[in-house]
């Protein structure tokens, strides 16, 4: 019965993690959008300032506002990917326990 309770706990945890994944996915998408909008805005600003187009791609990622949004995007991506890995690990734990239950029930049937 302990294994069944453990599976139920992991299933609740999995459901919560999936809900969190959705929230993290939205945060990641918003961070990506904010980064791209600022990046494009700064490229256009630099072009208006008559900066050589070939230099813009070298300089743009060092711009403080762009770099800050890129960092936020990268952090949001890492959180999203970590959440996804947690979901996969939880699924694996559930499968392992299910296999253990199958072995124990299988062994119990052979004994009687």
N, C-alpha and C. Protein backbone atom coordinates (compact mmCIF):
# COMPACT_ATOMS: atom_id res chain seq x y z
N UNK A 1 0.81 -1.19 0.00
CA UNK A 1 0.00 0.00 0.00
C UNK A 1 0.86 1.26 0.00
N UNK A 2 2.06 1.18 0.58
CA UNK A 2 2.96 2.33 0.59
C UNK A 2 3.34 2.75 -0.82
N UNK A 3 3.57 1.78 -1.70
CA UNK A 3 3.94 2.08 -3.07
C UNK A 3 2.80 2.78 -3.80
N UNK A 4 1.59 2.35 -3.54
CA UNK A 4 0.43 2.99 -4.18
C UNK A 4 0.31 4.43 -3.70
N UNK A 5 0.48 4.65 -2.41
CA UNK A 5 0.44 6.01 -1.88
C UNK A 5 1.57 6.87 -2.46
N UNK A 6 2.71 6.26 -2.67
CA UNK A 6 3.83 6.98 -3.26
C UNK A 6 3.51 7.39 -4.70
N UNK A 7 2.89 6.48 -5.45
CA UNK A 7 2.48 6.81 -6.82
C UNK A 7 1.45 7.94 -6.81
N UNK A 8 0.49 7.87 -5.91
CA UNK A 8 -0.52 8.93 -5.83
C UNK A 8 0.12 10.28 -5.52
N UNK A 9 1.09 10.28 -4.62
CA UNK A 9 1.81 11.52 -4.31
C UNK A 9 2.58 12.05 -5.50
N UNK A 10 3.23 11.15 -6.23
CA UNK A 10 3.97 11.56 -7.41
C UNK A 10 3.04 12.06 -8.51
N UNK A 11 1.86 11.45 -8.62
CA UNK A 11 0.90 11.92 -9.61
C UNK A 11 0.40 13.32 -9.28
N UNK A 12 0.17 13.60 -8.01
CA UNK A 12 -0.22 14.96 -7.60
C UNK A 12 0.90 15.95 -7.90
N UNK A 13 2.12 15.52 -7.62
CA UNK A 13 3.29 16.36 -7.89
C UNK A 13 3.43 16.61 -9.40
N UNK A 14 3.17 15.58 -10.19
CA UNK A 14 3.24 15.70 -11.64
C UNK A 14 2.20 16.68 -12.15
N UNK A 15 0.99 16.59 -11.64
CA UNK A 15 -0.07 17.51 -12.06
C UNK A 15 0.30 18.95 -11.72
N UNK A 16 0.84 19.17 -10.54
CA UNK A 16 1.26 20.52 -10.14
C UNK A 16 2.40 21.00 -11.03
N UNK A 17 3.33 20.12 -11.35
CA UNK A 17 4.47 20.49 -12.19
C UNK A 17 4.03 20.86 -13.61
N UNK A 18 3.03 20.17 -14.10
CA UNK A 18 2.52 20.48 -15.44
C UNK A 18 1.87 21.87 -15.45
N UNK A 19 1.14 22.19 -14.41
CA UNK A 19 0.58 23.54 -14.28
C UNK A 19 1.67 24.59 -14.21
N UNK A 20 2.71 24.28 -13.46
CA UNK A 20 3.85 25.20 -13.35
C UNK A 20 4.56 25.34 -14.69
N UNK A 21 4.65 24.25 -15.43
CA UNK A 21 5.30 24.29 -16.75
C UNK A 21 4.58 25.27 -17.66
N UNK A 22 3.26 25.27 -17.61
CA UNK A 22 2.49 26.21 -18.43
C UNK A 22 2.85 27.64 -18.05
N UNK A 23 2.87 27.94 -16.76
CA UNK A 23 3.21 29.29 -16.31
C UNK A 23 4.64 29.66 -16.71
N UNK A 24 5.55 28.71 -16.56
CA UNK A 24 6.94 28.97 -16.94
C UNK A 24 7.07 29.14 -18.45
N UNK A 25 6.29 28.40 -19.21
CA UNK A 25 6.32 28.53 -20.67
C UNK A 25 5.84 29.90 -21.11
N UNK A 26 4.79 30.39 -20.47
CA UNK A 26 4.29 31.73 -20.78
C UNK A 26 5.34 32.79 -20.42
N UNK A 27 5.95 32.64 -19.26
CA UNK A 27 6.99 33.59 -18.83
C UNK A 27 8.17 33.57 -19.81
N UNK A 28 8.54 32.39 -20.27
CA UNK A 28 9.63 32.26 -21.24
C UNK A 28 9.27 32.94 -22.55
N UNK A 29 8.05 32.72 -23.03
CA UNK A 29 7.62 33.34 -24.28
C UNK A 29 7.59 34.86 -24.17
N UNK A 30 7.11 35.35 -23.03
CA UNK A 30 7.08 36.80 -22.83
C UNK A 30 8.49 37.39 -22.76
N UNK A 31 9.39 36.69 -22.09
CA UNK A 31 10.77 37.15 -22.00
C UNK A 31 11.43 37.15 -23.38
N UNK A 32 11.13 36.14 -24.18
CA UNK A 32 11.66 36.06 -25.54
C UNK A 32 11.13 37.24 -26.37
N UNK A 33 9.84 37.50 -26.26
CA UNK A 33 9.24 38.62 -26.99
C UNK A 33 9.87 39.95 -26.58
N UNK A 34 10.00 40.18 -25.28
CA UNK A 34 10.58 41.43 -24.80
C UNK A 34 12.01 41.61 -25.30
N UNK A 35 12.77 40.54 -25.28
CA UNK A 35 14.15 40.58 -25.76
C UNK A 35 14.19 40.93 -27.25
N UNK A 36 13.38 40.25 -28.05
CA UNK A 36 13.40 40.48 -29.51
C UNK A 36 12.94 41.90 -29.85
N UNK A 37 11.92 42.39 -29.15
CA UNK A 37 11.43 43.74 -29.42
C UNK A 37 12.51 44.77 -29.11
N UNK A 38 13.16 44.63 -27.96
CA UNK A 38 14.22 45.57 -27.58
C UNK A 38 15.41 45.46 -28.53
N UNK A 39 15.75 44.23 -28.91
CA UNK A 39 16.86 44.03 -29.84
C UNK A 39 16.58 44.76 -31.16
N UNK A 40 15.40 44.57 -31.70
CA UNK A 40 15.05 45.22 -32.97
C UNK A 40 15.01 46.74 -32.83
N UNK A 41 14.47 47.20 -31.70
CA UNK A 41 14.41 48.64 -31.46
C UNK A 41 15.81 49.24 -31.43
N UNK A 42 16.71 48.58 -30.71
CA UNK A 42 18.09 49.11 -30.61
C UNK A 42 18.82 49.04 -31.95
N UNK A 43 18.57 48.00 -32.74
CA UNK A 43 19.19 47.92 -34.07
C UNK A 43 18.74 49.11 -34.91
N UNK A 44 17.45 49.39 -34.89
CA UNK A 44 16.93 50.53 -35.66
C UNK A 44 17.50 51.85 -35.14
N UNK A 45 17.63 51.97 -33.81
CA UNK A 45 18.22 53.19 -33.25
C UNK A 45 19.66 53.36 -33.72
N UNK A 46 20.42 52.29 -33.70
CA UNK A 46 21.82 52.36 -34.13
C UNK A 46 21.93 52.68 -35.61
N UNK A 47 21.02 52.15 -36.40
CA UNK A 47 21.02 52.48 -37.84
C UNK A 47 20.68 53.95 -38.04
N UNK A 48 19.74 54.47 -37.24
CA UNK A 48 19.40 55.90 -37.33
C UNK A 48 20.57 56.78 -36.92
N UNK A 49 21.41 56.25 -36.03
CA UNK A 49 22.60 56.98 -35.59
C UNK A 49 23.75 56.84 -36.59
N UNK A 50 23.46 56.22 -37.72
CA UNK A 50 24.42 56.05 -38.83
C UNK A 50 25.57 55.09 -38.51
N UNK A 51 25.33 54.17 -37.61
CA UNK A 51 26.34 53.16 -37.33
C UNK A 51 26.40 52.20 -38.50
N UNK A 52 27.58 51.76 -38.84
CA UNK A 52 27.76 50.81 -39.94
C UNK A 52 27.00 49.52 -39.62
N UNK A 53 26.27 49.04 -40.60
CA UNK A 53 25.44 47.85 -40.41
C UNK A 53 26.29 46.66 -39.96
N UNK A 54 27.50 46.55 -40.47
CA UNK A 54 28.37 45.44 -40.11
C UNK A 54 28.79 45.50 -38.63
N UNK A 55 28.81 46.68 -38.05
CA UNK A 55 29.20 46.82 -36.64
C UNK A 55 28.02 46.58 -35.70
N UNK A 56 26.82 46.80 -36.17
CA UNK A 56 25.64 46.68 -35.31
C UNK A 56 25.56 45.28 -34.70
N UNK A 57 25.76 44.25 -35.52
CA UNK A 57 25.65 42.88 -34.99
C UNK A 57 26.74 42.58 -33.96
N UNK A 58 27.86 43.28 -34.03
CA UNK A 58 28.92 43.09 -33.04
C UNK A 58 28.63 43.82 -31.74
N UNK A 59 27.96 44.94 -31.84
CA UNK A 59 27.76 45.82 -30.68
C UNK A 59 26.44 45.57 -29.98
N UNK A 60 25.42 45.18 -30.71
CA UNK A 60 24.06 45.15 -30.18
C UNK A 60 23.89 44.28 -28.93
N UNK A 61 24.56 43.16 -28.88
CA UNK A 61 24.37 42.26 -27.73
C UNK A 61 25.06 42.76 -26.47
N UNK A 62 25.94 43.75 -26.63
CA UNK A 62 26.58 44.36 -25.47
C UNK A 62 25.81 45.56 -24.94
N UNK A 63 24.78 45.97 -25.65
CA UNK A 63 23.93 47.07 -25.18
C UNK A 63 23.28 46.64 -23.87
N UNK A 64 23.32 47.50 -22.86
CA UNK A 64 22.85 47.13 -21.53
C UNK A 64 21.39 46.67 -21.54
N UNK A 65 20.52 47.39 -22.18
CA UNK A 65 19.09 47.03 -22.17
C UNK A 65 18.86 45.70 -22.88
N UNK A 66 19.57 45.47 -23.96
CA UNK A 66 19.44 44.21 -24.71
C UNK A 66 20.02 43.06 -23.90
N UNK A 67 21.19 43.28 -23.31
CA UNK A 67 21.84 42.23 -22.53
C UNK A 67 21.00 41.83 -21.32
N UNK A 68 20.37 42.82 -20.68
CA UNK A 68 19.53 42.54 -19.51
C UNK A 68 18.32 41.68 -19.91
N UNK A 69 17.69 42.02 -21.02
CA UNK A 69 16.53 41.25 -21.48
C UNK A 69 16.94 39.87 -21.97
N UNK A 70 18.13 39.78 -22.56
CA UNK A 70 18.62 38.47 -22.99
C UNK A 70 18.86 37.57 -21.77
N UNK A 71 19.42 38.16 -20.71
CA UNK A 71 19.64 37.41 -19.47
C UNK A 71 18.31 36.92 -18.90
N UNK A 72 17.32 37.80 -18.86
CA UNK A 72 16.00 37.40 -18.35
C UNK A 72 15.41 36.29 -19.21
N UNK A 73 15.59 36.38 -20.52
CA UNK A 73 15.11 35.34 -21.42
C UNK A 73 15.81 34.02 -21.15
N UNK A 74 17.12 34.07 -20.99
CA UNK A 74 17.89 32.85 -20.74
C UNK A 74 17.52 32.22 -19.39
N UNK A 75 17.27 33.04 -18.39
CA UNK A 75 16.86 32.52 -17.08
C UNK A 75 15.48 31.86 -17.20
N UNK A 76 14.56 32.52 -17.90
CA UNK A 76 13.21 31.95 -18.08
C UNK A 76 13.29 30.63 -18.84
N UNK A 77 14.17 30.55 -19.82
CA UNK A 77 14.34 29.31 -20.58
C UNK A 77 14.88 28.21 -19.69
N UNK A 78 15.86 28.54 -18.86
CA UNK A 78 16.44 27.55 -17.95
C UNK A 78 15.41 27.04 -16.96
N UNK A 79 14.60 27.93 -16.42
CA UNK A 79 13.55 27.52 -15.49
C UNK A 79 12.55 26.60 -16.18
N UNK A 80 12.16 26.95 -17.40
CA UNK A 80 11.23 26.13 -18.17
C UNK A 80 11.81 24.74 -18.43
N UNK A 81 13.06 24.69 -18.87
CA UNK A 81 13.69 23.41 -19.17
C UNK A 81 13.90 22.57 -17.90
N UNK A 82 14.22 23.21 -16.79
CA UNK A 82 14.37 22.51 -15.53
C UNK A 82 13.04 21.91 -15.09
N UNK A 83 11.98 22.67 -15.25
CA UNK A 83 10.63 22.19 -14.93
C UNK A 83 10.28 20.98 -15.79
N UNK A 84 10.62 21.05 -17.06
CA UNK A 84 10.35 19.93 -17.98
C UNK A 84 11.12 18.69 -17.56
N UNK A 85 12.36 18.85 -17.16
CA UNK A 85 13.17 17.72 -16.69
C UNK A 85 12.59 17.13 -15.40
N UNK A 86 12.08 17.99 -14.53
CA UNK A 86 11.45 17.50 -13.30
C UNK A 86 10.24 16.64 -13.64
N UNK A 87 9.46 17.07 -14.61
CA UNK A 87 8.30 16.29 -15.04
C UNK A 87 8.74 14.93 -15.57
N UNK A 88 9.77 14.92 -16.39
CA UNK A 88 10.28 13.65 -16.93
C UNK A 88 10.80 12.73 -15.83
N UNK A 89 11.50 13.31 -14.85
CA UNK A 89 12.03 12.51 -13.74
C UNK A 89 10.88 11.94 -12.90
N UNK A 90 9.83 12.72 -12.70
CA UNK A 90 8.67 12.25 -11.94
C UNK A 90 7.98 11.11 -12.67
N UNK A 91 7.84 11.24 -13.98
CA UNK A 91 7.24 10.16 -14.78
C UNK A 91 8.08 8.88 -14.65
N UNK A 92 9.39 9.02 -14.67
CA UNK A 92 10.27 7.87 -14.54
C UNK A 92 10.10 7.22 -13.16
N UNK A 93 10.01 8.04 -12.12
CA UNK A 93 9.80 7.50 -10.78
C UNK A 93 8.49 6.72 -10.72
N UNK A 94 7.45 7.24 -11.33
CA UNK A 94 6.16 6.55 -11.34
C UNK A 94 6.28 5.20 -12.05
N UNK A 95 6.96 5.19 -13.20
CA UNK A 95 7.13 3.92 -13.94
C UNK A 95 7.92 2.91 -13.12
N UNK A 96 8.95 3.36 -12.43
CA UNK A 96 9.76 2.46 -11.61
C UNK A 96 8.90 1.84 -10.50
N UNK A 97 8.11 2.66 -9.84
CA UNK A 97 7.25 2.14 -8.77
C UNK A 97 6.19 1.21 -9.34
N UNK A 98 5.62 1.55 -10.49
CA UNK A 98 4.64 0.67 -11.13
C UNK A 98 5.25 -0.69 -11.45
N UNK A 99 6.48 -0.68 -11.93
CA UNK A 99 7.18 -1.95 -12.21
C UNK A 99 7.42 -2.74 -10.92
N UNK A 100 7.77 -2.02 -9.87
CA UNK A 100 8.00 -2.68 -8.58
C UNK A 100 6.70 -3.30 -8.07
N UNK A 101 5.60 -2.58 -8.20
CA UNK A 101 4.29 -3.12 -7.79
C UNK A 101 3.96 -4.36 -8.61
N UNK A 102 4.21 -4.30 -9.92
CA UNK A 102 3.93 -5.46 -10.78
C UNK A 102 4.75 -6.67 -10.36
N UNK A 103 6.02 -6.45 -10.02
CA UNK A 103 6.87 -7.56 -9.58
C UNK A 103 6.36 -8.14 -8.27
N UNK A 104 6.00 -7.26 -7.34
CA UNK A 104 5.53 -7.74 -6.04
C UNK A 104 4.20 -8.46 -6.17
N UNK A 105 3.29 -7.96 -6.93
CA UNK A 105 2.00 -8.62 -7.13
C UNK A 105 2.20 -9.92 -7.91
N UNK A 106 3.10 -9.88 -8.88
CA UNK A 106 3.41 -11.11 -9.64
C UNK A 106 3.98 -12.18 -8.75
N UNK A 107 4.91 -11.80 -7.85
CA UNK A 107 5.50 -12.74 -6.92
C UNK A 107 4.45 -13.27 -5.92
N UNK A 108 3.55 -12.39 -5.51
CA UNK A 108 2.50 -12.80 -4.57
C UNK A 108 1.58 -13.83 -5.18
N UNK A 109 1.29 -13.70 -6.46
CA UNK A 109 0.40 -14.66 -7.12
C UNK A 109 1.06 -16.03 -7.25
N UNK A 110 2.38 -16.03 -7.46
CA UNK A 110 3.09 -17.30 -7.63
C UNK A 110 3.21 -18.04 -6.31
N UNK A 111 3.24 -17.33 -5.18
CA UNK A 111 3.44 -17.94 -3.88
C UNK A 111 2.18 -18.68 -3.43
N UNK A 112 1.00 -18.15 -3.71
CA UNK A 112 -0.22 -18.79 -3.20
C UNK A 112 -0.70 -19.90 -4.05
